[in-house]
Amino acid sequence: MVREPRAAPAEFALEPPDTTEITVWDSSAETRYMVLPRRFRRARTARGRNSRPHSSPVTR
């Protein structure tokens, strides 16, 4: 498991609420899997605007 799971969504400009439980597994150095219980807001950019929203969830 990842030591700081809350840092993983930040790498993708995502900001989950503090009440959201996050567990992240690294399956290899190149692949990381995250299971999130629901959609949440994207983090704000440096200019104070939301970055481009996701059009739909990505699944594999």
PDB file of N, CA and C in Angstrom:
ATOM      1  N   MET A   1       0.828  -1.187   0.000  1.00  0.00           N
ATOM      2  CA  MET A   1       0.000   0.000   0.000  1.00  0.00           C
ATOM      3  C   MET A   1       0.873   1.251   0.000  1.00  0.00           C
ATOM      4  N   VAL A   2       0.283   2.342  -0.363  1.00  0.00           N
ATOM      5  CA  VAL A   2       0.964   3.633  -0.419  1.00  0.00           C
ATOM      6  C   VAL A   2       0.968   4.255   0.973  1.00  0.00           C
ATOM      7  N   ARG A   3       2.063   4.863   1.355  1.00  0.00           N
ATOM      8  CA  ARG A   3       2.167   5.449   2.701  1.00  0.00           C
ATOM      9  C   ARG A   3       1.221   6.620   2.919  1.00  0.00           C
ATOM     10  N   GLU A   4       1.073   7.478   1.918  1.00  0.00           N
ATOM     11  CA  GLU A   4       0.209   8.656   2.038  1.00  0.00           C
ATOM     12  C   GLU A   4      -0.876   8.603   0.968  1.00  0.00           C
ATOM     13  N   PRO A   5      -1.955   7.851   1.200  1.00  0.00           N
ATOM     14  CA  PRO A   5      -2.979   7.704   0.166  1.00  0.00           C
ATOM     15  C   PRO A   5      -3.653   9.009  -0.234  1.00  0.00           C
ATOM     16  N   ARG A   6      -3.691   9.998   0.638  1.00  0.00           N
ATOM     17  CA  ARG A   6      -4.327  11.272   0.285  1.00  0.00           C
ATOM     18  C   ARG A   6      -3.501  12.050  -0.733  1.00  0.00           C
ATOM     19  N   ALA A   7      -2.225  11.742  -0.855  1.00  0.00           N
ATOM     20  CA  ALA A   7      -1.375  12.428  -1.831  1.00  0.00           C
ATOM     21  C   ALA A   7      -1.627  11.912  -3.248  1.00  0.00           C
ATOM     22  N   ALA A   8      -2.077  10.673  -3.393  1.00  0.00           N
ATOM     23  CA  ALA A   8      -2.291  10.091  -4.727  1.00  0.00           C
ATOM     24  C   ALA A   8      -3.341  10.843  -5.542  1.00  0.00           C
ATOM     25  N   PRO A   9      -4.535  11.148  -5.006  1.00  0.00           N
ATOM     26  CA  PRO A   9      -5.503  11.910  -5.805  1.00  0.00           C
ATOM     27  C   PRO A   9      -4.992  13.302  -6.173  1.00  0.00           C
ATOM     28  N   ALA A  10      -4.176  13.900  -5.314  1.00  0.00           N
ATOM     29  CA  ALA A  10      -3.645  15.232  -5.610  1.00  0.00           C
ATOM     30  C   ALA A  10      -2.771  15.210  -6.856  1.00  0.00           C
ATOM     31  N   GLU A  11      -2.138  14.067  -7.150  1.00  0.00           N
ATOM     32  CA  GLU A  11      -1.335  13.936  -8.363  1.00  0.00           C
ATOM     33  C   GLU A  11      -2.198  14.074  -9.617  1.00  0.00           C
ATOM     34  N   PHE A  12      -3.498  13.864  -9.481  1.00  0.00           N
ATOM     35  CA  PHE A  12      -4.430  13.955 -10.605  1.00  0.00           C
ATOM     36  C   PHE A  12      -5.352  15.167 -10.463  1.00  0.00           C
ATOM     37  N   ALA A  13      -4.965  16.131  -9.645  1.00  0.00           N
ATOM     38  CA  ALA A  13      -5.734  17.363  -9.392  1.00  0.00           C
ATOM     39  C   ALA A  13      -7.114  17.069  -8.819  1.00  0.00           C
ATOM     40  N   LEU A  14      -7.209  16.060  -7.962  1.00  0.00           N
ATOM     41  CA  LEU A  14      -8.465  15.717  -7.299  1.00  0.00           C
ATOM     42  C   LEU A  14      -8.345  16.040  -5.818  1.00  0.00           C
ATOM     43  N   GLU A  15      -9.437  16.511  -5.235  1.00  0.00           N
ATOM     44  CA  GLU A  15      -9.443  16.907  -3.832  1.00  0.00           C
ATOM     45  C   GLU A  15     -10.635  16.263  -3.127  1.00  0.00           C
ATOM     46  N   PRO A  16     -10.468  15.053  -2.577  1.00  0.00           N
ATOM     47  CA  PRO A  16     -11.583  14.400  -1.891  1.00  0.00           C
ATOM     48  C   PRO A  16     -11.853  15.054  -0.540  1.00  0.00           C
ATOM     49  N   PRO A  17     -13.103  15.020  -0.079  1.00  0.00           N
ATOM     50  CA  PRO A  17     -13.414  15.547   1.253  1.00  0.00           C
ATOM     51  C   PRO A  17     -12.668  14.747   2.322  1.00  0.00           C
ATOM     52  N   ASP A  18     -12.422  15.359   3.459  1.00  0.00           N
ATOM     53  CA  ASP A  18     -11.709  14.683   4.544  1.00  0.00           C
ATOM     54  C   ASP A  18     -12.438  13.434   5.029  1.00  0.00           C
ATOM     55  N   THR A  19     -13.732  13.363   4.811  1.00  0.00           N
ATOM     56  CA  THR A  19     -14.517  12.214   5.267  1.00  0.00           C
ATOM     57  C   THR A  19     -14.430  11.025   4.316  1.00  0.00           C
ATOM     58  N   THR A  20     -13.782  11.189   3.157  1.00  0.00           N
ATOM     59  CA  THR A  20     -13.664  10.111   2.176  1.00  0.00           C
ATOM     60  C   THR A  20     -12.485   9.218   2.521  1.00  0.00           C
ATOM     61  N   GLU A  21     -12.742   7.915   2.646  1.00  0.00           N
ATOM     62  CA  GLU A  21     -11.670   6.960   2.895  1.00  0.00           C
ATOM     63  C   GLU A  21     -11.011   6.617   1.568  1.00  0.00           C
ATOM     64  N   ILE A  22      -9.694   6.671   1.529  1.00  0.00           N
ATOM     65  CA  ILE A  22      -8.953   6.388   0.302  1.00  0.00           C
ATOM     66  C   ILE A  22      -7.938   5.296   0.589  1.00  0.00           C
ATOM     67  N   THR A  23      -7.926   4.279  -0.246  1.00  0.00           N
ATOM     68  CA  THR A  23      -6.927   3.228  -0.177  1.00  0.00           C
ATOM     69  C   THR A  23      -6.306   3.112  -1.557  1.00  0.00           C
ATOM     70  N   VAL A  24      -4.987   3.113  -1.626  1.00  0.00           N
ATOM     71  CA  VAL A  24      -4.286   3.062  -2.908  1.00  0.00           C
ATOM     72  C   VAL A  24      -3.309   1.899  -2.876  1.00  0.00           C
ATOM     73  N   TRP A  25      -3.297   1.108  -3.950  1.00  0.00           N
ATOM     74  CA  TRP A  25      -2.364   0.003  -4.088  1.00  0.00           C
ATOM     75  C   TRP A  25      -1.464   0.269  -5.276  1.00  0.00           C
ATOM     76  N   ASP A  26      -0.164   0.104  -5.095  1.00  0.00           N
ATOM     77  CA  ASP A  26       0.777   0.147  -6.214  1.00  0.00           C
ATOM     78  C   ASP A  26       0.980  -1.282  -6.671  1.00  0.00           C
ATOM     79  N   SER A  27       0.617  -1.585  -7.906  1.00  0.00           N
ATOM     80  CA  SER A  27       0.833  -2.936  -8.397  1.00  0.00           C
ATOM     81  C   SER A  27       2.190  -3.049  -9.072  1.00  0.00           C
ATOM     82  N   SER A  28       2.729  -1.929  -9.509  1.00  0.00           N
ATOM     83  CA  SER A  28       4.083  -1.873 -10.061  1.00  0.00           C
ATOM     84  C   SER A  28       4.543  -0.424  -9.990  1.00  0.00           C
ATOM     85  N   ALA A  29       5.760  -0.171 -10.420  1.00  0.00           N
ATOM     86  CA  ALA A  29       6.266   1.199 -10.392  1.00  0.00           C
ATOM     87  C   ALA A  29       5.510   2.101 -11.355  1.00  0.00           C
ATOM     88  N   GLU A  30       4.895   1.520 -12.395  1.00  0.00           N
ATOM     89  CA  GLU A  30       4.202   2.316 -13.404  1.00  0.00           C
ATOM     90  C   GLU A  30       2.694   2.355 -13.235  1.00  0.00           C
ATOM     91  N   THR A  31       2.122   1.442 -12.449  1.00  0.00           N
ATOM     92  CA  THR A  31       0.667   1.325 -12.362  1.00  0.00           C
ATOM     93  C   THR A  31       0.207   1.519 -10.927  1.00  0.00           C
ATOM     94  N   ARG A  32      -0.827   2.339 -10.766  1.00  0.00           N
ATOM     95  CA  ARG A  32      -1.400   2.590  -9.442  1.00  0.00           C
ATOM     96  C   ARG A  32      -2.913   2.494  -9.567  1.00  0.00           C
ATOM     97  N   TYR A  33      -3.558   1.770  -8.662  1.00  0.00           N
ATOM     98  CA  TYR A  33      -5.008   1.615  -8.671  1.00  0.00           C
ATOM     99  C   TYR A  33      -5.604   2.350  -7.484  1.00  0.00           C
ATOM    100  N   MET A  34      -6.679   3.107  -7.743  1.00  0.00           N
ATOM    101  CA  MET A  34      -7.396   3.789  -6.673  1.00  0.00           C
ATOM    102  C   MET A  34      -8.868   3.423  -6.782  1.00  0.00           C
ATOM    103  N   VAL A  35      -9.477   3.143  -5.646  1.00  0.00           N
ATOM    104  CA  VAL A  35     -10.914   2.886  -5.601  1.00  0.00           C
ATOM    105  C   VAL A  35     -11.525   4.007  -4.779  1.00  0.00           C
ATOM    106  N   LEU A  36     -12.346   4.811  -5.427  1.00  0.00           N
ATOM    107  CA  LEU A  36     -12.970   5.954  -4.768  1.00  0.00           C
ATOM    108  C   LEU A  36     -14.465   5.712  -4.682  1.00  0.00           C
ATOM    109  N   PRO A  37     -15.096   6.012  -3.553  1.00  0.00           N
ATOM    110  CA  PRO A  37     -16.503   5.686  -3.368  1.00  0.00           C
ATOM    111  C   PRO A  37     -17.474   6.523  -4.189  1.00  0.00           C
ATOM    112  N   ARG A  38     -17.095   7.720  -4.615  1.00  0.00           N
ATOM    113  CA  ARG A  38     -17.995   8.568  -5.395  1.00  0.00           C
ATOM    114  C   ARG A  38     -17.179   9.677  -6.042  1.00  0.00           C
ATOM    115  N   ARG A  39     -17.823  10.413  -6.915  1.00  0.00           N
ATOM    116  CA  ARG A  39     -17.140  11.525  -7.567  1.00  0.00           C
ATOM    117  C   ARG A  39     -17.065  12.705  -6.608  1.00  0.00           C
ATOM    118  N   PHE A  40     -16.021  13.490  -6.732  1.00  0.00           N
ATOM    119  CA  PHE A  40     -15.876  14.675  -5.913  1.00  0.00           C
ATOM    120  C   PHE A  40     -15.243  15.773  -6.751  1.00  0.00           C
ATOM    121  N   ARG A  41     -15.205  16.980  -6.198  1.00  0.00           N
ATOM    122  CA  ARG A  41     -14.709  18.143  -6.942  1.00  0.00           C
ATOM    123  C   ARG A  41     -13.227  18.029  -7.254  1.00  0.00           C
ATOM    124  N   ARG A  42     -12.850  18.589  -8.387  1.00  0.00           N
ATOM    125  CA  ARG A  42     -11.439  18.676  -8.734  1.00  0.00           C
ATOM    126  C   ARG A  42     -10.816  19.830  -7.952  1.00  0.00           C
ATOM    127  N   ALA A  43      -9.533  19.747  -7.699  1.00  0.00           N
ATOM    128  CA  ALA A  43      -8.828  20.811  -6.989  1.00  0.00           C
ATOM    129  C   ALA A  43      -8.800  22.074  -7.850  1.00  0.00           C
ATOM    130  N   ARG A  44      -8.732  23.198  -7.192  1.00  0.00           N
ATOM    131  CA  ARG A  44      -8.665  24.465  -7.931  1.00  0.00           C
ATOM    132  C   ARG A  44      -7.248  24.687  -8.457  1.00  0.00           C
ATOM    133  N   THR A  45      -7.162  25.309  -9.606  1.00  0.00           N
ATOM    134  CA  THR A  45      -5.863  25.623 -10.186  1.00  0.00           C
ATOM    135  C   THR A  45      -5.286  26.854  -9.500  1.00  0.00           C
ATOM    136  N   ALA A  46      -4.078  27.213  -9.841  1.00  0.00           N
ATOM    137  CA  ALA A  46      -3.424  28.372  -9.232  1.00  0.00           C
ATOM    138  C   ALA A  46      -4.200  29.660  -9.509  1.00  0.00           C
ATOM    139  N   ARG A  47      -4.949  29.698 -10.591  1.00  0.00           N
ATOM    140  CA  ARG A  47      -5.724  30.893 -10.924  1.00  0.00           C
ATOM    141  C   ARG A  47      -7.078  30.923 -10.222  1.00  0.00           C
ATOM    142  N   GLY A  48      -7.376  29.921  -9.411  1.00  0.00           N
ATOM    143  CA  GLY A  48      -8.626  29.910  -8.668  1.00  0.00           C
ATOM    144  C   GLY A  48      -9.797  29.309  -9.417  1.00  0.00           C
ATOM    145  N   ARG A  49      -9.571  28.805 -10.628  1.00  0.00           N
ATOM    146  CA  ARG A  49     -10.650  28.172 -11.389  1.00  0.00           C
ATOM    147  C   ARG A  49     -10.469  26.665 -11.373  1.00  0.00           C
ATOM    148  N   ASN A  50     -11.562  25.953 -11.491  1.00  0.00           N
ATOM    149  CA  ASN A  50     -11.459  24.507 -11.589  1.00  0.00           C
ATOM    150  C   ASN A  50     -10.843  24.144 -12.921  1.00  0.00           C
ATOM    151  N   SER A  51      -9.999  23.125 -12.907  1.00  0.00           N
ATOM    152  CA  SER A  51      -9.455  22.641 -14.165  1.00  0.00           C
ATOM    153  C   SER A  51     -10.558  21.908 -14.919  1.00  0.00           C
ATOM    154  N   ARG A  52     -10.291  21.509 -16.135  1.00  0.00           N
ATOM    155  CA  ARG A  52     -11.299  20.882 -16.992  1.00  0.00           C
ATOM    156  C   ARG A  52     -11.949  19.690 -16.278  1.00  0.00           C
ATOM    157  N   PRO A  53     -13.259  19.644 -16.150  1.00  0.00           N
ATOM    158  CA  PRO A  53     -13.929  18.533 -15.453  1.00  0.00           C
ATOM    159  C   PRO A  53     -13.884  17.248 -16.275  1.00  0.00           C
ATOM    160  N   HIS A  54     -13.951  16.134 -15.579  1.00  0.00           N
ATOM    161  CA  HIS A  54     -14.026  14.837 -16.255  1.00  0.00           C
ATOM    162  C   HIS A  54     -15.373  14.715 -16.939  1.00  0.00           C
ATOM    163  N   SER A  55     -15.387  14.165 -18.127  1.00  0.00           N
ATOM    164  CA  SER A  55     -16.661  13.977 -18.816  1.00  0.00           C
ATOM    165  C   SER A  55     -17.356  12.718 -18.314  1.00  0.00           C
ATOM    166  N   SER A  56     -16.589  11.715 -17.922  1.00  0.00           N
ATOM    167  CA  SER A  56     -17.167  10.490 -17.375  1.00  0.00           C
ATOM    168  C   SER A  56     -16.090   9.758 -16.583  1.00  0.00           C
ATOM    169  N   PRO A  57     -16.481   8.904 -15.653  1.00  0.00           N
ATOM    170  CA  PRO A  57     -15.493   8.146 -14.882  1.00  0.00           C
ATOM    171  C   PRO A  57     -14.695   7.216 -15.789  1.00  0.00           C
ATOM    172  N   VAL A  58     -13.455   6.979 -15.430  1.00  0.00           N
ATOM    173  CA  VAL A  58     -12.601   6.065 -16.180  1.00  0.00           C
ATOM    174  C   VAL A  58     -12.548   4.753 -15.420  1.00  0.00           C
ATOM    175  N   THR A  59     -12.832   3.660 -16.104  1.00  0.00           N
ATOM    176  CA  THR A  59     -12.766   2.344 -15.463  1.00  0.00           C
ATOM    177  C   THR A  59     -11.963   1.405 -16.339  1.00  0.00           C
ATOM    178  N   ARG A  60     -11.458   0.368 -15.756  1.00  0.00           N
ATOM    179  CA  ARG A  60     -10.727  -0.657 -16.493  1.00  0.00           C
ATOM    180  C   ARG A  60     -11.216  -2.007 -16.080  1.00  0.00           C
TER     181      ARG A  60
END
